[in-house]
Amino acid sequence: MSVWAGPFALAAVLLVVAGAAKAVSPTATAGALRALGLPGRPVSVRIGGAAEALLGAAALATGWAPFVLLVGASYLGFAGFVLGARRAGVPVASCGCLGRVDTPPHAVHVVGNLLCVGAALGAALTGSPPIGSVLADQPLGGVPFVVLLGVGVGAATLAMAALPRALTAARPR
């Protein structure tokens, strides 16, 4: 098992969660896209979100390098979107990646996305086993791995939602 199995699993699960959130509630993402002058129809966001979720799940389930690389490419695209939103100076209340949580684009999001790109690239270069193989190599049937993965997803979600607001509030005006 590669050292990248955990970080990549985290990136893939985050992609599933974010994609599902967009598929269920596309309004914030559609609004963010339109604010930047991009097409932002809710039905398109739903389809894109579902595709994200399926890609993350397929990459996690199979470990197939092209899927793993597409996960990385997705995160690279997300980082580019956030950078574009920040540079444009267009007020975007939320990108919609975390559902309805107010998550305006912030440098924290760029860093998080680039870390996920790195995890996907590392996993693709070293060979990413399917999640079933990863869990089979873990003690206690993989339960600690799954628990830590859940904690990681929760921590990343909290960091993406709360840290940008806290940093913005703490900045002297």
C-alpha atoms as a PDB file:
ATOM      1  CA  MET A   1       0.000   0.000   0.000  1.00  0.00           C
ATOM      2  CA  SER A   2       1.245   3.471  -0.904  1.00  0.00           C
ATOM      3  CA  VAL A   3       1.724   6.274   1.570  1.00  0.00           C
ATOM      4  CA  TRP A   4      -0.688   8.209  -0.661  1.00  0.00           C
ATOM      5  CA  ALA A   5      -3.634   5.864   0.031  1.00  0.00           C
ATOM      6  CA  GLY A   6      -4.946   7.917   2.969  1.00  0.00           C
ATOM      7  CA  PRO A   7      -4.522  11.385   1.474  1.00  0.00           C
ATOM      8  CA  PHE A   8      -5.999  10.250  -1.832  1.00  0.00           C
ATOM      9  CA  ALA A   9      -8.938   8.548  -0.116  1.00  0.00           C
ATOM     10  CA  LEU A  10      -9.600  11.830   1.672  1.00  0.00           C
ATOM     11  CA  ALA A  11      -9.468  13.792  -1.604  1.00  0.00           C
ATOM     12  CA  ALA A  12     -11.758  11.296  -3.351  1.00  0.00           C
ATOM     13  CA  VAL A  13     -14.319  11.267  -0.539  1.00  0.00           C
ATOM     14  CA  LEU A  14     -14.294  15.072  -0.413  1.00  0.00           C
ATOM     15  CA  LEU A  15     -15.000  15.083  -4.155  1.00  0.00           C
ATOM     16  CA  VAL A  16     -17.927  12.712  -3.593  1.00  0.00           C
ATOM     17  CA  VAL A  17     -19.303  14.888  -0.779  1.00  0.00           C
ATOM     18  CA  ALA A  18     -18.863  18.161  -2.689  1.00  0.00           C
ATOM     19  CA  GLY A  19     -20.298  16.705  -5.888  1.00  0.00           C
ATOM     20  CA  ALA A  20     -23.308  15.294  -4.064  1.00  0.00           C
ATOM     21  CA  ALA A  21     -23.876  18.644  -2.341  1.00  0.00           C
ATOM     22  CA  LYS A  22     -23.909  20.414  -5.715  1.00  0.00           C
ATOM     23  CA  ALA A  23     -26.200  17.786  -7.220  1.00  0.00           C
ATOM     24  CA  VAL A  24     -28.687  18.167  -4.371  1.00  0.00           C
ATOM     25  CA  SER A  25     -28.439  21.946  -3.986  1.00  0.00           C
ATOM     26  CA  PRO A  26     -27.057  23.609  -7.135  1.00  0.00           C
ATOM     27  CA  THR A  27     -28.172  27.175  -6.416  1.00  0.00           C
ATOM     28  CA  ALA A  28     -24.980  28.519  -4.780  1.00  0.00           C
ATOM     29  CA  THR A  29     -22.676  27.014  -7.393  1.00  0.00           C
ATOM     30  CA  ALA A  30     -24.903  28.201 -10.248  1.00  0.00           C
ATOM     31  CA  GLY A  31     -24.880  31.704  -8.761  1.00  0.00           C
ATOM     32  CA  ALA A  32     -21.099  31.686  -8.364  1.00  0.00           C
ATOM     33  CA  LEU A  33     -20.636  30.602 -11.979  1.00  0.00           C
ATOM     34  CA  ARG A  34     -23.012  33.291 -13.249  1.00  0.00           C
ATOM     35  CA  ALA A  35     -21.295  35.951 -11.097  1.00  0.00           C
ATOM     36  CA  LEU A  36     -18.081  35.170 -12.964  1.00  0.00           C
ATOM     37  CA  GLY A  37     -19.793  35.318 -16.350  1.00  0.00           C
ATOM     38  CA  LEU A  38     -19.823  31.543 -16.834  1.00  0.00           C
ATOM     39  CA  PRO A  39     -22.826  29.398 -17.726  1.00  0.00           C
ATOM     40  CA  GLY A  40     -24.572  28.501 -14.505  1.00  0.00           C
ATOM     41  CA  ARG A  41     -27.826  26.684 -15.086  1.00  0.00           C
ATOM     42  CA  PRO A  42     -28.880  24.654 -12.034  1.00  0.00           C
ATOM     43  CA  VAL A  43     -29.497  21.545 -14.139  1.00  0.00           C
ATOM     44  CA  SER A  44     -25.932  21.742 -15.489  1.00  0.00           C
ATOM     45  CA  VAL A  45     -24.580  22.139 -11.963  1.00  0.00           C
ATOM     46  CA  ARG A  46     -26.613  19.105 -10.843  1.00  0.00           C
ATOM     47  CA  ILE A  47     -25.187  17.017 -13.680  1.00  0.00           C
ATOM     48  CA  GLY A  48     -21.650  18.257 -13.009  1.00  0.00           C
ATOM     49  CA  GLY A  49     -22.021  17.590  -9.293  1.00  0.00           C
ATOM     50  CA  ALA A  50     -23.274  14.075  -9.935  1.00  0.00           C
ATOM     51  CA  ALA A  51     -20.347  13.506 -12.304  1.00  0.00           C
ATOM     52  CA  GLU A  52     -17.910  14.718  -9.610  1.00  0.00           C
ATOM     53  CA  ALA A  53     -19.421  12.370  -7.071  1.00  0.00           C
ATOM     54  CA  LEU A  54     -19.300   9.437  -9.489  1.00  0.00           C
ATOM     55  CA  LEU A  55     -15.705  10.202 -10.458  1.00  0.00           C
ATOM     56  CA  GLY A  56     -14.589  10.330  -6.824  1.00  0.00           C
ATOM     57  CA  ALA A  57     -16.387   7.086  -6.054  1.00  0.00           C
ATOM     58  CA  ALA A  58     -15.016   5.340  -9.153  1.00  0.00           C
ATOM     59  CA  ALA A  59     -11.452   6.449  -8.427  1.00  0.00           C
ATOM     60  CA  LEU A  60     -11.738   5.293  -4.836  1.00  0.00           C
ATOM     61  CA  ALA A  61     -13.346   1.983  -5.756  1.00  0.00           C
ATOM     62  CA  THR A  62     -11.003   1.053  -8.595  1.00  0.00           C
ATOM     63  CA  GLY A  63      -7.753   2.947  -8.069  1.00  0.00           C
ATOM     64  CA  TRP A  64      -7.541   3.162 -11.873  1.00  0.00           C
ATOM     65  CA  ALA A  65      -4.860   5.745 -12.705  1.00  0.00           C
ATOM     66  CA  PRO A  66      -6.936   7.679 -15.285  1.00  0.00           C
ATOM     67  CA  PHE A  67      -9.714   8.144 -12.706  1.00  0.00           C
ATOM     68  CA  VAL A  68      -7.171   9.136 -10.062  1.00  0.00           C
ATOM     69  CA  LEU A  69      -5.644  11.701 -12.426  1.00  0.00           C
ATOM     70  CA  LEU A  70      -9.101  13.061 -13.285  1.00  0.00           C
ATOM     71  CA  VAL A  71      -9.711  13.604  -9.570  1.00  0.00           C
ATOM     72  CA  GLY A  72      -6.499  15.639  -9.496  1.00  0.00           C
ATOM     73  CA  ALA A  73      -7.533  17.537 -12.620  1.00  0.00           C
ATOM     74  CA  SER A  74     -10.883  18.341 -10.990  1.00  0.00           C
ATOM     75  CA  TYR A  75      -9.160  19.847  -7.990  1.00  0.00           C
ATOM     76  CA  LEU A  76      -6.811  21.799 -10.242  1.00  0.00           C
ATOM     77  CA  GLY A  77      -9.881  23.205 -12.006  1.00  0.00           C
ATOM     78  CA  PHE A  78     -11.457  24.089  -8.648  1.00  0.00           C
ATOM     79  CA  ALA A  79      -8.269  25.895  -7.584  1.00  0.00           C
ATOM     80  CA  GLY A  80      -8.350  27.834 -10.860  1.00  0.00           C
ATOM     81  CA  PHE A  81     -11.996  28.747 -10.307  1.00  0.00           C
ATOM     82  CA  VAL A  82     -11.275  30.051  -6.809  1.00  0.00           C
ATOM     83  CA  LEU A  83      -8.269  32.038  -8.027  1.00  0.00           C
ATOM     84  CA  GLY A  84     -10.391  33.480 -10.837  1.00  0.00           C
ATOM     85  CA  ALA A  85     -13.151  34.444  -8.414  1.00  0.00           C
ATOM     86  CA  ARG A  86     -10.661  36.103  -6.073  1.00  0.00           C
ATOM     87  CA  ARG A  87      -8.904  38.001  -8.857  1.00  0.00           C
ATOM     88  CA  ALA A  88     -12.152  39.158 -10.452  1.00  0.00           C
ATOM     89  CA  GLY A  89     -13.196  40.738  -7.170  1.00  0.00           C
ATOM     90  CA  VAL A  90     -16.760  39.682  -7.876  1.00  0.00           C
ATOM     91  CA  PRO A  91     -18.690  39.223  -4.636  1.00  0.00           C
ATOM     92  CA  VAL A  92     -19.387  35.485  -4.484  1.00  0.00           C
ATOM     93  CA  ALA A  93     -21.077  34.459  -1.251  1.00  0.00           C
ATOM     94  CA  SER A  94     -20.413  30.758  -1.778  1.00  0.00           C
ATOM     95  CA  CYS A  95     -19.084  28.367  -4.380  1.00  0.00           C
ATOM     96  CA  GLY A  96     -21.603  25.767  -3.225  1.00  0.00           C
ATOM     97  CA  CYS A  97     -18.989  23.069  -2.741  1.00  0.00           C
ATOM     98  CA  LEU A  98     -20.155  22.400   0.793  1.00  0.00           C
ATOM     99  CA  GLY A  99     -23.852  22.605   0.100  1.00  0.00           C
ATOM    100  CA  ARG A 100     -25.586  25.603   1.607  1.00  0.00           C
ATOM    101  CA  VAL A 101     -22.762  26.692   3.908  1.00  0.00           C
ATOM    102  CA  ASP A 102     -21.601  30.232   3.201  1.00  0.00           C
ATOM    103  CA  THR A 103     -18.092  29.602   1.853  1.00  0.00           C
ATOM    104  CA  PRO A 104     -16.784  32.565  -0.131  1.00  0.00           C
ATOM    105  CA  PRO A 105     -13.636  31.900  -2.202  1.00  0.00           C
ATOM    106  CA  HIS A 106     -10.505  32.221  -0.085  1.00  0.00           C
ATOM    107  CA  ALA A 107      -6.812  31.338  -0.297  1.00  0.00           C
ATOM    108  CA  VAL A 108      -7.556  28.477   2.114  1.00  0.00           C
ATOM    109  CA  HIS A 109      -9.649  26.885  -0.643  1.00  0.00           C
ATOM    110  CA  VAL A 110      -6.813  27.222  -3.145  1.00  0.00           C
ATOM    111  CA  VAL A 111      -4.375  25.554  -0.749  1.00  0.00           C
ATOM    112  CA  GLY A 112      -6.860  22.766   0.061  1.00  0.00           C
ATOM    113  CA  ASN A 113      -7.517  22.122  -3.619  1.00  0.00           C
ATOM    114  CA  LEU A 114      -3.793  22.054  -4.415  1.00  0.00           C
ATOM    115  CA  LEU A 115      -3.185  19.595  -1.566  1.00  0.00           C
ATOM    116  CA  CYS A 116      -5.817  17.335  -3.136  1.00  0.00           C
ATOM    117  CA  VAL A 117      -4.077  17.696  -6.518  1.00  0.00           C
ATOM    118  CA  GLY A 118      -0.854  16.580  -4.848  1.00  0.00           C
ATOM    119  CA  ALA A 119      -2.562  13.605  -3.195  1.00  0.00           C
ATOM    120  CA  ALA A 120      -4.033  12.489  -6.514  1.00  0.00           C
ATOM    121  CA  LEU A 121      -0.746  12.929  -8.341  1.00  0.00           C
ATOM    122  CA  GLY A 122       1.134  11.012  -5.647  1.00  0.00           C
ATOM    123  CA  ALA A 123      -1.440   8.215  -5.746  1.00  0.00           C
ATOM    124  CA  ALA A 124      -1.359   8.037  -9.543  1.00  0.00           C
ATOM    125  CA  LEU A 125       2.439   7.918  -9.672  1.00  0.00           C
ATOM    126  CA  THR A 126       2.812   5.254  -6.988  1.00  0.00           C
ATOM    127  CA  GLY A 127      -0.230   3.193  -7.893  1.00  0.00           C
ATOM    128  CA  SER A 128      -3.476   3.697  -6.048  1.00  0.00           C
ATOM    129  CA  PRO A 129      -5.029   0.429  -4.932  1.00  0.00           C
ATOM    130  CA  PRO A 130      -8.799   0.081  -4.763  1.00  0.00           C
ATOM    131  CA  ILE A 131     -10.222   1.048  -1.390  1.00  0.00           C
ATOM    132  CA  GLY A 132     -11.137  -2.569  -0.709  1.00  0.00           C
ATOM    133  CA  SER A 133      -7.454  -3.541  -0.888  1.00  0.00           C
ATOM    134  CA  VAL A 134      -6.483  -0.611   1.313  1.00  0.00           C
ATOM    135  CA  LEU A 135      -9.003  -1.641   3.952  1.00  0.00           C
ATOM    136  CA  ALA A 136      -7.928  -5.291   3.739  1.00  0.00           C
ATOM    137  CA  ASP A 137      -4.359  -4.237   4.611  1.00  0.00           C
ATOM    138  CA  GLN A 138      -5.491  -2.331   7.687  1.00  0.00           C
ATOM    139  CA  PRO A 139      -5.848  -3.632  11.220  1.00  0.00           C
ATOM    140  CA  LEU A 140      -9.317  -4.377  12.581  1.00  0.00           C
ATOM    141  CA  GLY A 141     -10.802  -4.724   9.104  1.00  0.00           C
ATOM    142  CA  GLY A 142     -10.029  -1.118   8.229  1.00  0.00           C
ATOM    143  CA  VAL A 143     -12.316   0.381  10.871  1.00  0.00           C
ATOM    144  CA  PRO A 144      -9.630   2.778  12.218  1.00  0.00           C
ATOM    145  CA  PHE A 145      -8.842   3.871   8.638  1.00  0.00           C
ATOM    146  CA  VAL A 146     -12.515   4.591   7.949  1.00  0.00           C
ATOM    147  CA  VAL A 147     -12.895   6.462  11.252  1.00  0.00           C
ATOM    148  CA  LEU A 148      -9.811   8.577  10.513  1.00  0.00           C
ATOM    149  CA  LEU A 149     -11.085   9.180   6.984  1.00  0.00           C
ATOM    150  CA  GLY A 150     -14.365  10.456   8.437  1.00  0.00           C
ATOM    151  CA  VAL A 151     -12.496  12.706  10.869  1.00  0.00           C
ATOM    152  CA  GLY A 152     -10.363  13.994   7.992  1.00  0.00           C
ATOM    153  CA  VAL A 153     -13.395  14.766   5.847  1.00  0.00           C
ATOM    154  CA  GLY A 154     -15.046  16.557   8.773  1.00  0.00           C
ATOM    155  CA  ALA A 155     -11.887  18.532   9.548  1.00  0.00           C
ATOM    156  CA  ALA A 156     -11.378  19.505   5.908  1.00  0.00           C
ATOM    157  CA  THR A 157     -15.012  20.566   5.578  1.00  0.00           C
ATOM    158  CA  LEU A 158     -14.781  22.622   8.747  1.00  0.00           C
ATOM    159  CA  ALA A 159     -11.508  24.181   7.604  1.00  0.00           C
ATOM    160  CA  MET A 160     -13.003  25.127   4.236  1.00  0.00           C
ATOM    161  CA  ALA A 161     -16.142  26.569   5.813  1.00  0.00           C
ATOM    162  CA  ALA A 162     -14.966  28.194   9.033  1.00  0.00           C
ATOM    163  CA  LEU A 163     -11.269  29.008   8.598  1.00  0.00           C
ATOM    164  CA  PRO A 164     -11.733  31.561   5.770  1.00  0.00           C
ATOM    165  CA  ARG A 165     -14.388  33.417   7.789  1.00  0.00           C
ATOM    166  CA  ALA A 166     -12.231  33.377  10.925  1.00  0.00           C
ATOM    167  CA  LEU A 167      -9.176  34.639   9.036  1.00  0.00           C
ATOM    168  CA  THR A 168     -11.218  37.366   7.353  1.00  0.00           C
ATOM    169  CA  ALA A 169     -12.749  38.449  10.673  1.00  0.00           C
ATOM    170  CA  ALA A 170      -9.336  38.504  12.377  1.00  0.00           C
ATOM    171  CA  ARG A 171      -7.727  40.659   9.678  1.00  0.00           C
ATOM    172  CA  PRO A 172      -7.278  44.265  10.784  1.00  0.00           C
ATOM    173  CA  ARG A 173      -9.351  46.665   8.726  1.00  0.00           C
END
